[in-house]
């Protein structure tokens, strides 16, 4: 993919790990990952009932982490992620966690 800035949206429920995704982008000068706590889809809440309305499962969790991986030159990545620079939020591994 030929582009100045590559932005990928992913989440922590995917088959590929965040680290693997970042490694796929590592040929760029800089890879920065932002993480956002996000409410899961409604099926995570109502999918525990069968067609007759009987509860057949249990809700495991109602939120997940949405990742935005930004890759490119240091200048372009810094410009793209500038709105989040300097904010103090908890980290998730090497990803900075933000509120949406």
PDB file of N, CA and C in Angstrom:
ATOM      1  N   UNK A   1       0.839  -1.163   0.000  1.00  0.00           N
ATOM      2  CA  UNK A   1       0.000   0.000   0.000  1.00  0.00           C
ATOM      3  C   UNK A   1       0.887   1.230   0.000  1.00  0.00           C
ATOM      4  N   UNK A   2       0.738   2.086  -0.987  1.00  0.00           N
ATOM      5  CA  UNK A   2       1.556   3.298  -1.065  1.00  0.00           C
ATOM      6  C   UNK A   2       0.745   4.474  -0.551  1.00  0.00           C
ATOM      7  N   UNK A   3       1.149   4.997   0.593  1.00  0.00           N
ATOM      8  CA  UNK A   3       0.462   6.140   1.183  1.00  0.00           C
ATOM      9  C   UNK A   3       1.408   6.812   2.177  1.00  0.00           C
ATOM     10  N   UNK A   4       1.154   8.075   2.467  1.00  0.00           N
ATOM     11  CA  UNK A   4       1.999   8.798   3.426  1.00  0.00           C
ATOM     12  C   UNK A   4       1.701   8.359   4.847  1.00  0.00           C
ATOM     13  N   UNK A   5       0.419   8.194   5.159  1.00  0.00           N
ATOM     14  CA  UNK A   5       0.003   7.767   6.494  1.00  0.00           C
ATOM     15  C   UNK A   5      -0.964   6.602   6.338  1.00  0.00           C
ATOM     16  N   UNK A   6      -0.679   5.538   7.050  1.00  0.00           N
ATOM     17  CA  UNK A   6      -1.543   4.365   7.058  1.00  0.00           C
ATOM     18  C   UNK A   6      -2.262   4.333   8.401  1.00  0.00           C
ATOM     19  N   UNK A   7      -3.589   4.273   8.372  1.00  0.00           N
ATOM     20  CA  UNK A   7      -4.374   4.186   9.605  1.00  0.00           C
ATOM     21  C   UNK A   7      -5.211   2.917   9.547  1.00  0.00           C
ATOM     22  N   UNK A   8      -5.063   2.093  10.583  1.00  0.00           N
ATOM     23  CA  UNK A   8      -5.815   0.846  10.659  1.00  0.00           C
ATOM     24  C   UNK A   8      -6.660   0.843  11.918  1.00  0.00           C
ATOM     25  N   UNK A   9      -7.905   0.465  11.788  1.00  0.00           N
ATOM     26  CA  UNK A   9      -8.799   0.339  12.930  1.00  0.00           C
ATOM     27  C   UNK A   9      -8.970  -1.143  13.222  1.00  0.00           C
ATOM     28  N   UNK A  10      -8.825  -1.511  14.476  1.00  0.00           N
ATOM     29  CA  UNK A  10      -8.859  -2.910  14.875  1.00  0.00           C
ATOM     30  C   UNK A  10      -9.373  -2.983  16.293  1.00  0.00           C
ATOM     31  N   UNK A  11      -9.597  -4.180  16.829  1.00  0.00           N
ATOM     32  CA  UNK A  11      -9.973  -4.281  18.237  1.00  0.00           C
ATOM     33  C   UNK A  11      -9.334  -5.489  18.900  1.00  0.00           C
ATOM     34  N   UNK A  12      -9.462  -5.555  20.213  1.00  0.00           N
ATOM     35  CA  UNK A  12      -8.785  -6.600  20.981  1.00  0.00           C
ATOM     36  C   UNK A  12      -9.506  -7.943  20.933  1.00  0.00           C
ATOM     37  N   UNK A  13     -10.559  -8.072  20.137  1.00  0.00           N
ATOM     38  CA  UNK A  13     -11.256  -9.345  19.980  1.00  0.00           C
ATOM     39  C   UNK A  13     -10.934 -10.003  18.638  1.00  0.00           C
ATOM     40  N   UNK A  14      -9.998  -9.454  17.920  1.00  0.00           N
ATOM     41  CA  UNK A  14      -9.667  -9.930  16.578  1.00  0.00           C
ATOM     42  C   UNK A  14      -8.722 -11.132  16.632  1.00  0.00           C
ATOM     43  N   UNK A  15      -8.533 -11.750  15.497  1.00  0.00           N
ATOM     44  CA  UNK A  15      -7.672 -12.923  15.407  1.00  0.00           C
ATOM     45  C   UNK A  15      -6.194 -12.562  15.426  1.00  0.00           C
ATOM     46  N   UNK A  16      -5.866 -11.389  14.967  1.00  0.00           N
ATOM     47  CA  UNK A  16      -4.478 -10.927  14.945  1.00  0.00           C
ATOM     48  C   UNK A  16      -4.271 -10.038  16.163  1.00  0.00           C
ATOM     49  N   UNK A  17      -3.166 -10.208  16.862  1.00  0.00           N
ATOM     50  CA  UNK A  17      -2.911  -9.382  18.043  1.00  0.00           C
ATOM     51  C   UNK A  17      -2.474  -7.976  17.636  1.00  0.00           C
ATOM     52  N   UNK A  18      -2.581  -7.055  18.572  1.00  0.00           N
ATOM     53  CA  UNK A  18      -2.130  -5.682  18.324  1.00  0.00           C
ATOM     54  C   UNK A  18      -0.654  -5.688  17.960  1.00  0.00           C
ATOM     55  N   UNK A  19       0.142  -6.483  18.658  1.00  0.00           N
ATOM     56  CA  UNK A  19       1.578  -6.549  18.385  1.00  0.00           C
ATOM     57  C   UNK A  19       1.857  -7.050  16.971  1.00  0.00           C
ATOM     58  N   UNK A  20       1.106  -8.050  16.521  1.00  0.00           N
ATOM     59  CA  UNK A  20       1.282  -8.559  15.155  1.00  0.00           C
ATOM     60  C   UNK A  20       0.908  -7.494  14.122  1.00  0.00           C
ATOM     61  N   UNK A  21      -0.161  -6.769  14.397  1.00  0.00           N
ATOM     62  CA  UNK A  21      -0.589  -5.708  13.485  1.00  0.00           C
ATOM     63  C   UNK A  21       0.463  -4.608  13.402  1.00  0.00           C
ATOM     64  N   UNK A  22       1.009  -4.217  14.559  1.00  0.00           N
ATOM     65  CA  UNK A  22       2.067  -3.199  14.574  1.00  0.00           C
ATOM     66  C   UNK A  22       3.305  -3.695  13.837  1.00  0.00           C
ATOM     67  N   UNK A  23       3.607  -4.982  13.983  1.00  0.00           N
ATOM     68  CA  UNK A  23       4.767  -5.551  13.292  1.00  0.00           C
ATOM     69  C   UNK A  23       4.571  -5.509  11.774  1.00  0.00           C
ATOM     70  N   UNK A  24       3.344  -5.710  11.312  1.00  0.00           N
ATOM     71  CA  UNK A  24       3.052  -5.634   9.881  1.00  0.00           C
ATOM     72  C   UNK A  24       3.304  -4.227   9.336  1.00  0.00           C
ATOM     73  N   UNK A  25       3.233  -3.238  10.206  1.00  0.00           N
ATOM     74  CA  UNK A  25       3.432  -1.834   9.804  1.00  0.00           C
ATOM     75  C   UNK A  25       4.853  -1.350  10.082  1.00  0.00           C
ATOM     76  N   UNK A  26       5.703  -2.207  10.610  1.00  0.00           N
ATOM     77  CA  UNK A  26       7.015  -1.782  11.113  1.00  0.00           C
ATOM     78  C   UNK A  26       7.976  -1.294  10.035  1.00  0.00           C
ATOM     79  N   UNK A  27       7.661  -1.496   8.766  1.00  0.00           N
ATOM     80  CA  UNK A  27       8.534  -0.970   7.707  1.00  0.00           C
ATOM     81  C   UNK A  27       8.407   0.551   7.588  1.00  0.00           C
ATOM     82  N   UNK A  28       7.409   1.130   8.240  1.00  0.00           N
ATOM     83  CA  UNK A  28       7.273   2.590   8.292  1.00  0.00           C
ATOM     84  C   UNK A  28       8.227   3.143   9.348  1.00  0.00           C
ATOM     85  N   UNK A  29       8.553   4.406   9.239  1.00  0.00           N
ATOM     86  CA  UNK A  29       9.479   5.050  10.176  1.00  0.00           C
ATOM     87  C   UNK A  29       8.944   5.023  11.607  1.00  0.00           C
ATOM     88  N   UNK A  30       7.639   5.241  11.770  1.00  0.00           N
ATOM     89  CA  UNK A  30       7.043   5.283  13.106  1.00  0.00           C
ATOM     90  C   UNK A  30       5.677   4.618  13.081  1.00  0.00           C
ATOM     91  N   UNK A  31       5.400   3.835  14.116  1.00  0.00           N
ATOM     92  CA  UNK A  31       4.090   3.213  14.301  1.00  0.00           C
ATOM     93  C   UNK A  31       3.593   3.617  15.684  1.00  0.00           C
ATOM     94  N   UNK A  32       2.446   4.273  15.726  1.00  0.00           N
ATOM     95  CA  UNK A  32       1.843   4.729  16.986  1.00  0.00           C
ATOM     96  C   UNK A  32       0.459   4.099  17.088  1.00  0.00           C
ATOM     97  N   UNK A  33       0.137   3.539  18.263  1.00  0.00           N
ATOM     98  CA  UNK A  33      -1.168   2.918  18.457  1.00  0.00           C
ATOM     99  C   UNK A  33      -1.947   3.644  19.540  1.00  0.00           C
ATOM    100  N   UNK A  34      -3.156   4.040  19.195  1.00  0.00           N
ATOM    101  CA  UNK A  34      -4.083   4.652  20.144  1.00  0.00           C
ATOM    102  C   UNK A  34      -5.133   3.600  20.486  1.00  0.00           C
ATOM    103  N   UNK A  35      -5.593   3.571  21.728  1.00  0.00           N
ATOM    104  CA  UNK A  35      -6.606   2.601  22.148  1.00  0.00           C
ATOM    105  C   UNK A  35      -7.786   3.344  22.766  1.00  0.00           C
ATOM    106  N   UNK A  36      -8.987   2.900  22.410  1.00  0.00           N
ATOM    107  CA  UNK A  36     -10.206   3.537  22.890  1.00  0.00           C
ATOM    108  C   UNK A  36     -11.133   2.485  23.480  1.00  0.00           C
ATOM    109  N   UNK A  37     -11.587   2.701  24.706  1.00  0.00           N
ATOM    110  CA  UNK A  37     -12.570   1.823  25.312  1.00  0.00           C
ATOM    111  C   UNK A  37     -13.881   2.019  24.558  1.00  0.00           C
ATOM    112  N   UNK A  38     -14.501   0.922  24.128  1.00  0.00           N
ATOM    113  CA  UNK A  38     -15.683   1.035  23.282  1.00  0.00           C
ATOM    114  C   UNK A  38     -16.756   0.041  23.714  1.00  0.00           C
ATOM    115  N   UNK A  39     -18.009   0.482  23.684  1.00  0.00           N
ATOM    116  CA  UNK A  39     -19.128  -0.397  23.999  1.00  0.00           C
ATOM    117  C   UNK A  39     -19.257  -1.431  22.883  1.00  0.00           C
ATOM    118  N   UNK A  40     -19.439  -2.699  23.260  1.00  0.00           N
ATOM    119  CA  UNK A  40     -19.599  -3.760  22.268  1.00  0.00           C
ATOM    120  C   UNK A  40     -20.960  -3.676  21.592  1.00  0.00           C
ATOM    121  N   UNK A  41     -21.087  -4.354  20.488  1.00  0.00           N
ATOM    122  CA  UNK A  41     -22.321  -4.389  19.716  1.00  0.00           C
ATOM    123  C   UNK A  41     -23.469  -4.966  20.548  1.00  0.00           C
ATOM    124  N   UNK A  42     -24.679  -4.656  20.173  1.00  0.00           N
ATOM    125  CA  UNK A  42     -25.854  -5.058  20.954  1.00  0.00           C
ATOM    126  C   UNK A  42     -25.988  -6.580  21.053  1.00  0.00           C
ATOM    127  N   UNK A  43     -25.491  -7.307  20.073  1.00  0.00           N
ATOM    128  CA  UNK A  43     -25.552  -8.767  20.112  1.00  0.00           C
ATOM    129  C   UNK A  43     -24.831  -9.359  21.306  1.00  0.00           C
ATOM    130  N   UNK A  44     -23.869  -8.634  21.851  1.00  0.00           N
ATOM    131  CA  UNK A  44     -23.164  -9.108  23.041  1.00  0.00           C
ATOM    132  C   UNK A  44     -24.101  -9.143  24.242  1.00  0.00           C
ATOM    133  N   UNK A  45     -25.161  -8.355  24.195  1.00  0.00           N
ATOM    134  CA  UNK A  45     -26.119  -8.306  25.297  1.00  0.00           C
ATOM    135  C   UNK A  45     -27.349  -9.178  25.037  1.00  0.00           C
ATOM    136  N   UNK A  46     -27.871  -9.135  23.820  1.00  0.00           N
ATOM    137  CA  UNK A  46     -29.109  -9.868  23.554  1.00  0.00           C
ATOM    138  C   UNK A  46     -28.860 -11.241  22.946  1.00  0.00           C
ATOM    139  N   UNK A  47     -27.646 -11.521  22.536  1.00  0.00           N
ATOM    140  CA  UNK A  47     -27.322 -12.801  21.912  1.00  0.00           C
ATOM    141  C   UNK A  47     -27.305 -13.971  22.873  1.00  0.00           C
ATOM    142  N   UNK A  48     -27.612 -13.732  24.134  1.00  0.00           N
ATOM    143  CA  UNK A  48     -27.602 -14.804  25.134  1.00  0.00           C
ATOM    144  C   UNK A  48     -28.964 -15.485  25.245  1.00  0.00           C
ATOM    145  N   UNK A  49     -29.937 -15.049  24.423  1.00  0.00           N
ATOM    146  CA  UNK A  49     -31.290 -15.613  24.440  1.00  0.00           C
ATOM    147  C   UNK A  49     -31.543 -16.406  23.162  1.00  0.00           C
ATOM    148  N   UNK A  50     -32.264 -17.528  23.291  1.00  0.00           N
ATOM    149  CA  UNK A  50     -32.605 -18.310  22.103  1.00  0.00           C
ATOM    150  C   UNK A  50     -33.832 -17.687  21.428  1.00  0.00           C
ATOM    151  N   UNK A  51     -34.260 -18.205  20.259  1.00  0.00           N
ATOM    152  CA  UNK A  51     -35.392 -17.600  19.545  1.00  0.00           C
ATOM    153  C   UNK A  51     -36.699 -17.545  20.355  1.00  0.00           C
ATOM    154  N   UNK A  52     -36.833 -18.414  21.350  1.00  0.00           N
ATOM    155  CA  UNK A  52     -38.038 -18.400  22.185  1.00  0.00           C
ATOM    156  C   UNK A  52     -37.926 -17.396  23.330  1.00  0.00           C
ATOM    157  N   UNK A  53     -36.799 -16.725  23.446  1.00  0.00           N
ATOM    158  CA  UNK A  53     -36.608 -15.736  24.506  1.00  0.00           C
ATOM    159  C   UNK A  53     -36.057 -16.297  25.799  1.00  0.00           C
ATOM    160  N   UNK A  54     -35.694 -17.580  25.800  1.00  0.00           N
ATOM    161  CA  UNK A  54     -35.144 -18.206  26.999  1.00  0.00           C
ATOM    162  C   UNK A  54     -33.647 -17.892  27.087  1.00  0.00           C
ATOM    163  N   UNK A  55     -33.215 -17.514  28.277  1.00  0.00           N
ATOM    164  CA  UNK A  55     -31.801 -17.207  28.479  1.00  0.00           C
ATOM    165  C   UNK A  55     -30.995 -18.501  28.419  1.00  0.00           C
ATOM    166  N   UNK A  56     -30.038 -18.557  27.501  1.00  0.00           N
ATOM    167  CA  UNK A  56     -29.240 -19.764  27.306  1.00  0.00           C
ATOM    168  C   UNK A  56     -27.741 -19.501  27.460  1.00  0.00           C
ATOM    169  N   UNK A  57     -27.386 -18.273  27.747  1.00  0.00           N
ATOM    170  CA  UNK A  57     -25.974 -17.918  27.906  1.00  0.00           C
ATOM    171  C   UNK A  57     -25.828 -16.814  28.916  1.00  0.00           C
ATOM    172  N   UNK A  58     -24.631 -16.265  28.991  1.00  0.00           N
ATOM    173  CA  UNK A  58     -24.410 -15.142  29.898  1.00  0.00           C
ATOM    174  C   UNK A  58     -23.530 -14.106  29.211  1.00  0.00           C
ATOM    175  N   UNK A  59     -23.707 -12.869  29.616  1.00  0.00           N
ATOM    176  CA  UNK A  59     -22.913 -11.775  29.065  1.00  0.00           C
ATOM    177  C   UNK A  59     -21.504 -11.892  29.626  1.00  0.00           C
ATOM    178  N   UNK A  60     -20.515 -11.925  28.753  1.00  0.00           N
ATOM    179  CA  UNK A  60     -19.131 -12.044  29.230  1.00  0.00           C
ATOM    180  C   UNK A  60     -18.523 -10.677  29.520  1.00  0.00           C
ATOM    181  N   UNK A  61     -18.691  -9.733  28.609  1.00  0.00           N
ATOM    182  CA  UNK A  61     -18.184  -8.377  28.807  1.00  0.00           C
ATOM    183  C   UNK A  61     -18.902  -7.433  27.841  1.00  0.00           C
ATOM    184  N   UNK A  62     -19.019  -6.188  28.242  1.00  0.00           N
ATOM    185  CA  UNK A  62     -19.800  -5.226  27.465  1.00  0.00           C
ATOM    186  C   UNK A  62     -18.952  -4.180  26.764  1.00  0.00           C
ATOM    187  N   UNK A  63     -17.638  -4.249  26.938  1.00  0.00           N
ATOM    188  CA  UNK A  63     -16.770  -3.297  26.241  1.00  0.00           C
ATOM    189  C   UNK A  63     -15.537  -4.014  25.716  1.00  0.00           C
ATOM    190  N   UNK A  64     -14.900  -3.396  24.760  1.00  0.00           N
ATOM    191  CA  UNK A  64     -13.638  -3.905  24.237  1.00  0.00           C
ATOM    192  C   UNK A  64     -12.742  -2.713  23.918  1.00  0.00           C
ATOM    193  N   UNK A  65     -11.529  -2.994  23.515  1.00  0.00           N
ATOM    194  CA  UNK A  65     -10.596  -1.939  23.126  1.00  0.00           C
ATOM    195  C   UNK A  65     -10.556  -1.828  21.612  1.00  0.00           C
ATOM    196  N   UNK A  66     -10.818  -0.645  21.123  1.00  0.00           N
ATOM    197  CA  UNK A  66     -10.677  -0.344  19.702  1.00  0.00           C
ATOM    198  C   UNK A  66      -9.315   0.307  19.519  1.00  0.00           C
ATOM    199  N   UNK A  67      -8.536  -0.217  18.591  1.00  0.00           N
ATOM    200  CA  UNK A  67      -7.205   0.317  18.317  1.00  0.00           C
ATOM    201  C   UNK A  67      -7.211   1.105  17.010  1.00  0.00           C
ATOM    202  N   UNK A  68      -6.468   2.180  16.983  1.00  0.00           N
ATOM    203  CA  UNK A  68      -6.175   2.883  15.740  1.00  0.00           C
ATOM    204  C   UNK A  68      -4.657   2.891  15.626  1.00  0.00           C
ATOM    205  N   UNK A  69      -4.145   2.141  14.659  1.00  0.00           N
ATOM    206  CA  UNK A  69      -2.708   2.067  14.411  1.00  0.00           C
ATOM    207  C   UNK A  69      -2.390   3.087  13.326  1.00  0.00           C
ATOM    208  N   UNK A  70      -1.463   3.985  13.625  1.00  0.00           N
ATOM    209  CA  UNK A  70      -1.071   5.045  12.694  1.00  0.00           C
ATOM    210  C   UNK A  70       0.395   4.826  12.341  1.00  0.00           C
ATOM    211  N   UNK A  71       0.698   4.696  11.050  1.00  0.00           N
ATOM    212  CA  UNK A  71       2.067   4.423  10.616  1.00  0.00           C
ATOM    213  C   UNK A  71       2.461   5.375   9.496  1.00  0.00           C
ATOM    214  N   UNK A  72       3.719   5.787   9.514  1.00  0.00           N
ATOM    215  CA  UNK A  72       4.236   6.686   8.487  1.00  0.00           C
ATOM    216  C   UNK A  72       5.512   7.338   8.964  1.00  0.00           C
ATOM    217  N   UNK A  73       5.825   8.497   8.415  1.00  0.00           N
ATOM    218  CA  UNK A  73       7.013   9.229   8.864  1.00  0.00           C
ATOM    219  C   UNK A  73       6.738   9.804  10.251  1.00  0.00           C
ATOM    220  N   UNK A  74       7.794  10.130  10.986  1.00  0.00           N
ATOM    221  CA  UNK A  74       7.608  10.716  12.320  1.00  0.00           C
ATOM    222  C   UNK A  74       6.758  11.975  12.233  1.00  0.00           C
ATOM    223  N   UNK A  75       7.036  12.799  11.256  1.00  0.00           N
ATOM    224  CA  UNK A  75       6.307  14.064  11.092  1.00  0.00           C
ATOM    225  C   UNK A  75       4.819  13.823  10.837  1.00  0.00           C
ATOM    226  N   UNK A  76       4.508  12.922   9.910  1.00  0.00           N
ATOM    227  CA  UNK A  76       3.111  12.670   9.560  1.00  0.00           C
ATOM    228  C   UNK A  76       2.342  11.978  10.683  1.00  0.00           C
ATOM    229  N   UNK A  77       2.983  11.047  11.369  1.00  0.00           N
ATOM    230  CA  UNK A  77       2.321  10.363  12.486  1.00  0.00           C
ATOM    231  C   UNK A  77       2.071  11.347  13.623  1.00  0.00           C
ATOM    232  N   UNK A  78       3.062  12.191  13.918  1.00  0.00           N
ATOM    233  CA  UNK A  78       2.898  13.198  14.972  1.00  0.00           C
ATOM    234  C   UNK A  78       1.758  14.149  14.632  1.00  0.00           C
ATOM    235  N   UNK A  79       1.685  14.559  13.378  1.00  0.00           N
ATOM    236  CA  UNK A  79       0.614  15.471  12.949  1.00  0.00           C
ATOM    237  C   UNK A  79      -0.755  14.788  13.064  1.00  0.00           C
ATOM    238  N   UNK A  80      -0.825  13.534  12.693  1.00  0.00           N
ATOM    239  CA  UNK A  80      -2.084  12.796  12.718  1.00  0.00           C
ATOM    240  C   UNK A  80      -2.572  12.534  14.141  1.00  0.00           C
ATOM    241  N   UNK A  81      -1.649  12.293  15.065  1.00  0.00           N
ATOM    242  CA  UNK A  81      -2.032  11.955  16.442  1.00  0.00           C
ATOM    243  C   UNK A  81      -1.926  13.147  17.387  1.00  0.00           C
ATOM    244  N   UNK A  82      -1.672  14.333  16.849  1.00  0.00           N
ATOM    245  CA  UNK A  82      -1.440  15.536  17.659  1.00  0.00           C
ATOM    246  C   UNK A  82      -2.555  15.803  18.673  1.00  0.00           C
ATOM    247  N   UNK A  83      -3.784  15.564  18.315  1.00  0.00           N
ATOM    248  CA  UNK A  83      -4.913  15.854  19.213  1.00  0.00           C
ATOM    249  C   UNK A  83      -4.826  15.068  20.518  1.00  0.00           C
ATOM    250  N   UNK A  84      -4.098  13.960  20.509  1.00  0.00           N
ATOM    251  CA  UNK A  84      -3.983  13.126  21.703  1.00  0.00           C
ATOM    252  C   UNK A  84      -2.651  13.292  22.414  1.00  0.00           C
ATOM    253  N   UNK A  85      -1.756  14.068  21.867  1.00  0.00           N
ATOM    254  CA  UNK A  85      -0.422  14.261  22.454  1.00  0.00           C
ATOM    255  C   UNK A  85      -0.533  14.955  23.806  1.00  0.00           C
ATOM    256  N   UNK A  86       0.229  14.467  24.762  1.00  0.00           N
ATOM    257  CA  UNK A  86       0.298  15.109  26.068  1.00  0.00           C
ATOM    258  C   UNK A  86      -0.829  14.752  27.013  1.00  0.00           C
ATOM    259  N   UNK A  87      -1.824  14.024  26.557  1.00  0.00           N
ATOM    260  CA  UNK A  87      -2.897  13.613  27.456  1.00  0.00           C
ATOM    261  C   UNK A  87      -2.402  12.488  28.351  1.00  0.00           C
ATOM    262  N   UNK A  88      -2.848  12.475  29.562  1.00  0.00           N
ATOM    263  CA  UNK A  88      -2.433  11.418  30.480  1.00  0.00           C
ATOM    264  C   UNK A  88      -3.594  10.466  30.707  1.00  0.00           C
ATOM    265  N   UNK A  89      -3.525   9.339  30.077  1.00  0.00           N
ATOM    266  CA  UNK A  89      -4.504   8.275  30.209  1.00  0.00           C
ATOM    267  C   UNK A  89      -3.737   6.992  30.505  1.00  0.00           C
ATOM    268  N   UNK A  90      -4.415   5.995  31.065  1.00  0.00           N
ATOM    269  CA  UNK A  90      -3.721   4.728  31.322  1.00  0.00           C
ATOM    270  C   UNK A  90      -3.251   4.087  30.024  1.00  0.00           C
ATOM    271  N   UNK A  91      -2.221   3.294  30.128  1.00  0.00           N
ATOM    272  CA  UNK A  91      -1.689   2.591  28.964  1.00  0.00           C
ATOM    273  C   UNK A  91      -2.170   1.149  28.980  1.00  0.00           C
ATOM    274  N   UNK A  92      -2.340   0.594  27.806  1.00  0.00           N
ATOM    275  CA  UNK A  92      -2.696  -0.800  27.635  1.00  0.00           C
ATOM    276  C   UNK A  92      -1.547  -1.410  26.854  1.00  0.00           C
ATOM    277  N   UNK A  93      -0.651  -2.088  27.557  1.00  0.00           N
ATOM    278  CA  UNK A  93       0.569  -2.532  26.896  1.00  0.00           C
ATOM    279  C   UNK A  93       1.321  -1.304  26.449  1.00  0.00           C
ATOM    280  N   UNK A  94       1.615  -1.213  25.151  1.00  0.00           N
ATOM    281  CA  UNK A  94       2.302  -0.044  24.603  1.00  0.00           C
ATOM    282  C   UNK A  94       1.335   0.945  23.966  1.00  0.00           C
ATOM    283  N   UNK A  95       0.039   0.685  24.066  1.00  0.00           N
ATOM    284  CA  UNK A  95      -0.953   1.574  23.449  1.00  0.00           C
ATOM    285  C   UNK A  95      -1.497   2.544  24.489  1.00  0.00           C
ATOM    286  N   UNK A  96      -1.691   3.765  24.075  1.00  0.00           N
ATOM    287  CA  UNK A  96      -2.246   4.798  24.953  1.00  0.00           C
ATOM    288  C   UNK A  96      -3.768   4.718  24.899  1.00  0.00           C
ATOM    289  N   UNK A  97      -4.423   4.641  26.069  1.00  0.00           N
ATOM    290  CA  UNK A  97      -5.877   4.522  26.142  1.00  0.00           C
ATOM    291  C   UNK A  97      -6.519   5.901  26.215  1.00  0.00           C
ATOM    292  N   UNK A  98      -7.528   6.148  25.378  1.00  0.00           N
ATOM    293  CA  UNK A  98      -8.212   7.439  25.323  1.00  0.00           C
ATOM    294  C   UNK A  98      -9.712   7.259  25.445  1.00  0.00           C
ATOM    295  N   UNK A  99     -10.395   8.319  25.870  1.00  0.00           N
ATOM    296  CA  UNK A  99     -11.859   8.361  25.856  1.00  0.00           C
ATOM    297  C   UNK A  99     -12.302   8.846  24.488  1.00  0.00           C
ATOM    298  N   UNK A 100     -13.395   8.299  23.997  1.00  0.00           N
ATOM    299  CA  UNK A 100     -13.923   8.744  22.715  1.00  0.00           C
ATOM    300  C   UNK A 100     -14.907   9.873  22.965  1.00  0.00           C
TER     301      UNK A 100
END
